[in-house]
Structure formats: structure tokens, C-alpha cells
Amino acid sequence: MILIHLNNVPKTLQQPLSLQALLEAQNICQHSVALVLNEAVVPKHRWSSIQCQNEDKIDVFAVVAGG
């Protein structure tokens, strides 16, 4: 099992997941969010290739347009 912290909430994963699969499993829309992994912004094109690791800290931020 893998323990991660998603938006400061502990979550246990039964199997390794990519960041993209994690967002899908959590029903988080991927079109308007930014993802930070262990305090580093992860470009969207890399979400499918990065696997969640034990004790990862993952923060998801909604992107909001303003004026």
C-alpha cells in the first residue's frame, strides 16, 4: 500500500497510480487544475508518466481566469 497526502488529506492507494489516474480515481476534472508534487509544479503532459510514491505530497489547485 502507498500512503500519499492529497491536498493535506492522507489517502491510501492499493496499487501504484500515475498522477493522471489518481485524479481520475478522485473524480477531479483535469482540464482546469494545476498539480504540485512535493512542492514542484508538474506539467500536465507528464501526469500520465509519473507514479505516486509513498509519502508523496500532492496538491491540486483550480485554475481560475480573472480580469
PDB file of N, CA and C in Angstrom:
ATOM      1  N   MET A   1       0.831  -1.184   0.000  1.00  0.00           N
ATOM      2  CA  MET A   1       0.000   0.000   0.000  1.00  0.00           C
ATOM      3  C   MET A   1       0.876   1.249   0.000  1.00  0.00           C
ATOM      4  N   ILE A   2       0.348   2.287  -0.581  1.00  0.00           N
ATOM      5  CA  ILE A   2       1.071   3.546  -0.715  1.00  0.00           C
ATOM      6  C   ILE A   2       0.282   4.635   0.000  1.00  0.00           C
ATOM      7  N   LEU A   3       0.945   5.346   0.899  1.00  0.00           N
ATOM      8  CA  LEU A   3       0.314   6.462   1.603  1.00  0.00           C
ATOM      9  C   LEU A   3       0.735   7.758   0.932  1.00  0.00           C
ATOM     10  N   ILE A   4      -0.250   8.543   0.508  1.00  0.00           N
ATOM     11  CA  ILE A   4       0.016   9.863  -0.058  1.00  0.00           C
ATOM     12  C   ILE A   4      -0.785  10.894   0.727  1.00  0.00           C
ATOM     13  N   HIS A   5      -0.482  12.151   0.490  1.00  0.00           N
ATOM     14  CA  HIS A   5      -1.246  13.249   1.080  1.00  0.00           C
ATOM     15  C   HIS A   5      -1.773  14.081  -0.085  1.00  0.00           C
ATOM     16  N   LEU A   6      -3.080  14.024  -0.292  1.00  0.00           N
ATOM     17  CA  LEU A   6      -3.729  14.743  -1.381  1.00  0.00           C
ATOM     18  C   LEU A   6      -4.450  15.941  -0.792  1.00  0.00           C
ATOM     19  N   ASN A   7      -3.951  17.137  -1.109  1.00  0.00           N
ATOM     20  CA  ASN A   7      -4.490  18.370  -0.517  1.00  0.00           C
ATOM     21  C   ASN A   7      -4.530  18.265   1.006  1.00  0.00           C
ATOM     22  N   ASN A   8      -3.439  17.766   1.576  1.00  0.00           N
ATOM     23  CA  ASN A   8      -3.249  17.619   3.026  1.00  0.00           C
ATOM     24  C   ASN A   8      -4.153  16.583   3.674  1.00  0.00           C
ATOM     25  N   VAL A   9      -4.775  15.720   2.885  1.00  0.00           N
ATOM     26  CA  VAL A   9      -5.612  14.644   3.420  1.00  0.00           C
ATOM     27  C   VAL A   9      -4.914  13.319   3.119  1.00  0.00           C
ATOM     28  N   PRO A  10      -4.611  12.517   4.157  1.00  0.00           N
ATOM     29  CA  PRO A  10      -3.970  11.224   3.912  1.00  0.00           C
ATOM     30  C   PRO A  10      -4.879  10.303   3.096  1.00  0.00           C
ATOM     31  N   LYS A  11      -4.305   9.659   2.100  1.00  0.00           N
ATOM     32  CA  LYS A  11      -5.026   8.689   1.266  1.00  0.00           C
ATOM     33  C   LYS A  11      -4.142   7.466   1.114  1.00  0.00           C
ATOM     34  N   THR A  12      -4.751   6.299   1.163  1.00  0.00           N
ATOM     35  CA  THR A  12      -4.022   5.056   0.959  1.00  0.00           C
ATOM     36  C   THR A  12      -4.392   4.494  -0.405  1.00  0.00           C
ATOM     37  N   LEU A  13      -3.381   4.215  -1.212  1.00  0.00           N
ATOM     38  CA  LEU A  13      -3.590   3.619  -2.529  1.00  0.00           C
ATOM     39  C   LEU A  13      -3.289   2.129  -2.439  1.00  0.00           C
ATOM     40  N   GLN A  14      -4.145   1.313  -3.015  1.00  0.00           N
ATOM     41  CA  GLN A  14      -3.949  -0.134  -3.000  1.00  0.00           C
ATOM     42  C   GLN A  14      -2.894  -0.576  -4.010  1.00  0.00           C
ATOM     43  N   GLN A  15      -2.691   0.245  -5.027  1.00  0.00           N
ATOM     44  CA  GLN A  15      -1.716  -0.070  -6.071  1.00  0.00           C
ATOM     45  C   GLN A  15      -1.107   1.235  -6.574  1.00  0.00           C
ATOM     46  N   PRO A  16       0.046   1.166  -7.193  1.00  0.00           N
ATOM     47  CA  PRO A  16       0.643   2.389  -7.739  1.00  0.00           C
ATOM     48  C   PRO A  16      -0.256   2.983  -8.823  1.00  0.00           C
ATOM     49  N   LEU A  17      -0.397   4.292  -8.797  1.00  0.00           N
ATOM     50  CA  LEU A  17      -1.182   5.012  -9.800  1.00  0.00           C
ATOM     51  C   LEU A  17      -0.352   6.156 -10.355  1.00  0.00           C
ATOM     52  N   SER A  18      -0.591   6.476 -11.615  1.00  0.00           N
ATOM     53  CA  SER A  18       0.003   7.695 -12.160  1.00  0.00           C
ATOM     54  C   SER A  18      -0.758   8.876 -11.576  1.00  0.00           C
ATOM     55  N   LEU A  19      -0.179  10.053 -11.678  1.00  0.00           N
ATOM     56  CA  LEU A  19      -0.878  11.244 -11.202  1.00  0.00           C
ATOM     57  C   LEU A  19      -2.197  11.421 -11.950  1.00  0.00           C
ATOM     58  N   GLN A  20      -2.198  11.148 -13.244  1.00  0.00           N
ATOM     59  CA  GLN A  20      -3.418  11.262 -14.037  1.00  0.00           C
ATOM     60  C   GLN A  20      -4.474  10.274 -13.550  1.00  0.00           C
ATOM     61  N   ALA A  21      -4.085   9.029 -13.300  1.00  0.00           N
ATOM     62  CA  ALA A  21      -5.031   8.020 -12.814  1.00  0.00           C
ATOM     63  C   ALA A  21      -5.551   8.378 -11.425  1.00  0.00           C
ATOM     64  N   LEU A  22      -4.705   8.980 -10.600  1.00  0.00           N
ATOM     65  CA  LEU A  22      -5.140   9.417  -9.272  1.00  0.00           C
ATOM     66  C   LEU A  22      -6.238  10.469  -9.390  1.00  0.00           C
ATOM     67  N   LEU A  23      -6.036  11.453 -10.254  1.00  0.00           N
ATOM     68  CA  LEU A  23      -7.051  12.486 -10.444  1.00  0.00           C
ATOM     69  C   LEU A  23      -8.353  11.880 -10.953  1.00  0.00           C
ATOM     70  N   GLU A  24      -8.253  10.940 -11.885  1.00  0.00           N
ATOM     71  CA  GLU A  24      -9.450  10.272 -12.401  1.00  0.00           C
ATOM     72  C   GLU A  24     -10.156   9.503 -11.290  1.00  0.00           C
ATOM     73  N   ALA A  25      -9.403   8.784 -10.466  1.00  0.00           N
ATOM     74  CA  ALA A  25      -9.988   7.999  -9.373  1.00  0.00           C
ATOM     75  C   ALA A  25     -10.670   8.885  -8.336  1.00  0.00           C
ATOM     76  N   GLN A  26     -10.181  10.119  -8.199  1.00  0.00           N
ATOM     77  CA  GLN A  26     -10.756  11.055  -7.231  1.00  0.00           C
ATOM     78  C   GLN A  26     -11.832  11.945  -7.867  1.00  0.00           C
ATOM     79  N   ASN A  27     -12.168  11.670  -9.130  1.00  0.00           N
ATOM     80  CA  ASN A  27     -13.169  12.458  -9.868  1.00  0.00           C
ATOM     81  C   ASN A  27     -12.817  13.943  -9.926  1.00  0.00           C
ATOM     82  N   ILE A  28     -11.533  14.223 -10.136  1.00  0.00           N
ATOM     83  CA  ILE A  28     -11.068  15.605 -10.268  1.00  0.00           C
ATOM     84  C   ILE A  28     -10.912  15.911 -11.756  1.00  0.00           C
ATOM     85  N   CYS A  29     -11.627  16.916 -12.219  1.00  0.00           N
ATOM     86  CA  CYS A  29     -11.555  17.327 -13.623  1.00  0.00           C
ATOM     87  C   CYS A  29     -10.142  17.819 -13.922  1.00  0.00           C
ATOM     88  N   GLN A  30      -9.541  17.282 -14.961  1.00  0.00           N
ATOM     89  CA  GLN A  30      -8.150  17.595 -15.274  1.00  0.00           C
ATOM     90  C   GLN A  30      -7.990  18.810 -16.181  1.00  0.00           C
ATOM     91  N   HIS A  31      -9.080  19.372 -16.660  1.00  0.00           N
ATOM     92  CA  HIS A  31      -8.991  20.444 -17.650  1.00  0.00           C
ATOM     93  C   HIS A  31      -8.622  21.796 -17.062  1.00  0.00           C
ATOM     94  N   SER A  32      -8.930  22.019 -15.809  1.00  0.00           N
ATOM     95  CA  SER A  32      -8.696  23.363 -15.260  1.00  0.00           C
ATOM     96  C   SER A  32      -8.022  23.314 -13.895  1.00  0.00           C
ATOM     97  N   VAL A  33      -7.042  22.404 -13.755  1.00  0.00           N
ATOM     98  CA  VAL A  33      -6.312  22.315 -12.493  1.00  0.00           C
ATOM     99  C   VAL A  33      -4.811  22.345 -12.750  1.00  0.00           C
ATOM    100  N   ALA A  34      -4.090  22.755 -11.728  1.00  0.00           N
ATOM    101  CA  ALA A  34      -2.628  22.669 -11.709  1.00  0.00           C
ATOM    102  C   ALA A  34      -2.268  21.678 -10.614  1.00  0.00           C
ATOM    103  N   LEU A  35      -1.199  20.940 -10.817  1.00  0.00           N
ATOM    104  CA  LEU A  35      -0.813  19.899  -9.881  1.00  0.00           C
ATOM    105  C   LEU A  35       0.602  20.167  -9.368  1.00  0.00           C
ATOM    106  N   VAL A  36       0.755  20.095  -8.046  1.00  0.00           N
ATOM    107  CA  VAL A  36       2.053  20.287  -7.400  1.00  0.00           C
ATOM    108  C   VAL A  36       2.404  18.998  -6.671  1.00  0.00           C
ATOM    109  N   LEU A  37       3.556  18.446  -6.987  1.00  0.00           N
ATOM    110  CA  LEU A  37       4.032  17.210  -6.372  1.00  0.00           C
ATOM    111  C   LEU A  37       5.277  17.522  -5.557  1.00  0.00           C
ATOM    112  N   ASN A  38       5.179  17.322  -4.255  1.00  0.00           N
ATOM    113  CA  ASN A  38       6.314  17.577  -3.363  1.00  0.00           C
ATOM    114  C   ASN A  38       6.913  18.965  -3.602  1.00  0.00           C
ATOM    115  N   GLU A  39       6.032  19.945  -3.692  1.00  0.00           N
ATOM    116  CA  GLU A  39       6.383  21.364  -3.811  1.00  0.00           C
ATOM    117  C   GLU A  39       6.948  21.766  -5.175  1.00  0.00           C
ATOM    118  N   ALA A  40       6.747  20.928  -6.184  1.00  0.00           N
ATOM    119  CA  ALA A  40       7.189  21.263  -7.544  1.00  0.00           C
ATOM    120  C   ALA A  40       6.007  21.121  -8.499  1.00  0.00           C
ATOM    121  N   VAL A  41       5.784  22.142  -9.318  1.00  0.00           N
ATOM    122  CA  VAL A  41       4.705  22.092 -10.302  1.00  0.00           C
ATOM    123  C   VAL A  41       5.032  21.020 -11.339  1.00  0.00           C
ATOM    124  N   VAL A  42       4.029  20.206 -11.662  1.00  0.00           N
ATOM    125  CA  VAL A  42       4.212  19.146 -12.652  1.00  0.00           C
ATOM    126  C   VAL A  42       3.452  19.535 -13.920  1.00  0.00           C
ATOM    127  N   PRO A  43       4.144  19.636 -15.051  1.00  0.00           N
ATOM    128  CA  PRO A  43       3.451  19.949 -16.307  1.00  0.00           C
ATOM    129  C   PRO A  43       2.432  18.857 -16.646  1.00  0.00           C
ATOM    130  N   LYS A  44       1.327  19.267 -17.193  1.00  0.00           N
ATOM    131  CA  LYS A  44       0.229  18.343 -17.490  1.00  0.00           C
ATOM    132  C   LYS A  44       0.672  17.181 -18.382  1.00  0.00           C
ATOM    133  N   HIS A  45       1.563  17.422 -19.319  1.00  0.00           N
ATOM    134  CA  HIS A  45       1.985  16.351 -20.230  1.00  0.00           C
ATOM    135  C   HIS A  45       2.769  15.243 -19.512  1.00  0.00           C
ATOM    136  N   ARG A  46       3.163  15.465 -18.260  1.00  0.00           N
ATOM    137  CA  ARG A  46       3.909  14.448 -17.503  1.00  0.00           C
ATOM    138  C   ARG A  46       3.032  13.676 -16.515  1.00  0.00           C
ATOM    139  N   TRP A  47       1.773  14.086 -16.330  1.00  0.00           N
ATOM    140  CA  TRP A  47       0.914  13.451 -15.329  1.00  0.00           C
ATOM    141  C   TRP A  47       0.768  11.949 -15.543  1.00  0.00           C
ATOM    142  N   SER A  48       0.692  11.512 -16.785  1.00  0.00           N
ATOM    143  CA  SER A  48       0.478  10.086 -17.053  1.00  0.00           C
ATOM    144  C   SER A  48       1.738   9.251 -16.844  1.00  0.00           C
ATOM    145  N   SER A  49       2.894   9.887 -16.801  1.00  0.00           N
ATOM    146  CA  SER A  49       4.146   9.132 -16.691  1.00  0.00           C
ATOM    147  C   SER A  49       4.764   9.148 -15.293  1.00  0.00           C
ATOM    148  N   ILE A  50       4.184   9.901 -14.369  1.00  0.00           N
ATOM    149  CA  ILE A  50       4.726   9.969 -13.008  1.00  0.00           C
ATOM    150  C   ILE A  50       3.854   9.139 -12.082  1.00  0.00           C
ATOM    151  N   GLN A  51       4.470   8.177 -11.408  1.00  0.00           N
ATOM    152  CA  GLN A  51       3.763   7.306 -10.471  1.00  0.00           C
ATOM    153  C   GLN A  51       3.797   7.890  -9.063  1.00  0.00           C
ATOM    154  N   CYS A  52       2.693   7.750  -8.351  1.00  0.00           N
ATOM    155  CA  CYS A  52       2.646   8.165  -6.945  1.00  0.00           C
ATOM    156  C   CYS A  52       3.580   7.276  -6.135  1.00  0.00           C
ATOM    157  N   GLN A  53       4.329   7.905  -5.250  1.00  0.00           N
ATOM    158  CA  GLN A  53       5.256   7.199  -4.373  1.00  0.00           C
ATOM    159  C   GLN A  53       4.814   7.380  -2.923  1.00  0.00           C
ATOM    160  N   ASN A  54       5.234   6.455  -2.065  1.00  0.00           N
ATOM    161  CA  ASN A  54       4.894   6.541  -0.651  1.00  0.00           C
ATOM    162  C   ASN A  54       5.327   7.890  -0.078  1.00  0.00           C
ATOM    163  N   GLU A  55       4.430   8.514   0.676  1.00  0.00           N
ATOM    164  CA  GLU A  55       4.646   9.800   1.354  1.00  0.00           C
ATOM    165  C   GLU A  55       4.681  11.003   0.410  1.00  0.00           C
ATOM    166  N   ASP A  56       4.247  10.830  -0.848  1.00  0.00           N
ATOM    167  CA  ASP A  56       4.153  11.984  -1.742  1.00  0.00           C
ATOM    168  C   ASP A  56       3.140  12.980  -1.200  1.00  0.00           C
ATOM    169  N   LYS A  57       3.441  14.256  -1.386  1.00  0.00           N
ATOM    170  CA  LYS A  57       2.508  15.334  -1.056  1.00  0.00           C
ATOM    171  C   LYS A  57       2.038  15.918  -2.380  1.00  0.00           C
ATOM    172  N   ILE A  58       0.742  15.783  -2.645  1.00  0.00           N
ATOM    173  CA  ILE A  58       0.169  16.213  -3.912  1.00  0.00           C
ATOM    174  C   ILE A  58      -0.895  17.265  -3.630  1.00  0.00           C
ATOM    175  N   ASP A  59      -0.746  18.416  -4.249  1.00  0.00           N
ATOM    176  CA  ASP A  59      -1.722  19.488  -4.095  1.00  0.00           C
ATOM    177  C   ASP A  59      -2.323  19.790  -5.460  1.00  0.00           C
ATOM    178  N   VAL A  60      -3.645  19.913  -5.493  1.00  0.00           N
ATOM    179  CA  VAL A  60      -4.368  20.219  -6.718  1.00  0.00           C
ATOM    180  C   VAL A  60      -5.002  21.595  -6.552  1.00  0.00           C
ATOM    181  N   PHE A  61      -4.742  22.461  -7.519  1.00  0.00           N
ATOM    182  CA  PHE A  61      -5.258  23.826  -7.477  1.00  0.00           C
ATOM    183  C   PHE A  61      -6.157  24.075  -8.677  1.00  0.00           C
ATOM    184  N   ALA A  62      -7.310  24.679  -8.435  1.00  0.00           N
ATOM    185  CA  ALA A  62      -8.202  25.059  -9.529  1.00  0.00           C
ATOM    186  C   ALA A  62      -7.648  26.310 -10.196  1.00  0.00           C
ATOM    187  N   VAL A  63      -7.616  26.290 -11.515  1.00  0.00           N
ATOM    188  CA  VAL A  63      -7.159  27.439 -12.287  1.00  0.00           C
ATOM    189  C   VAL A  63      -8.384  28.304 -12.576  1.00  0.00           C
ATOM    190  N   VAL A  64      -8.299  29.569 -12.184  1.00  0.00           N
ATOM    191  CA  VAL A  64      -9.421  30.487 -12.349  1.00  0.00           C
ATOM    192  C   VAL A  64      -8.950  31.698 -13.148  1.00  0.00           C
ATOM    193  N   ALA A  65      -9.683  32.003 -14.201  1.00  0.00           N
ATOM    194  CA  ALA A  65      -9.356  33.185 -15.002  1.00  0.00           C
ATOM    195  C   ALA A  65      -9.919  34.423 -14.314  1.00  0.00           C
ATOM    196  N   GLY A  66      -9.177  35.479 -14.394  1.00  0.00           N
ATOM    197  CA  GLY A  66      -9.639  36.721 -13.770  1.00  0.00           C
ATOM    198  C   GLY A  66      -9.345  37.909 -14.662  1.00  0.00           C
ATOM    199  N   GLY A  67      -9.785  39.029 -14.218  1.00  0.00           N
ATOM    200  CA  GLY A  67      -9.547  40.196 -15.051  1.00  0.00           C
ATOM    201  C   GLY A  67      -9.369  41.437 -14.228  1.00  0.00           C
TER     202      GLY A  67
END
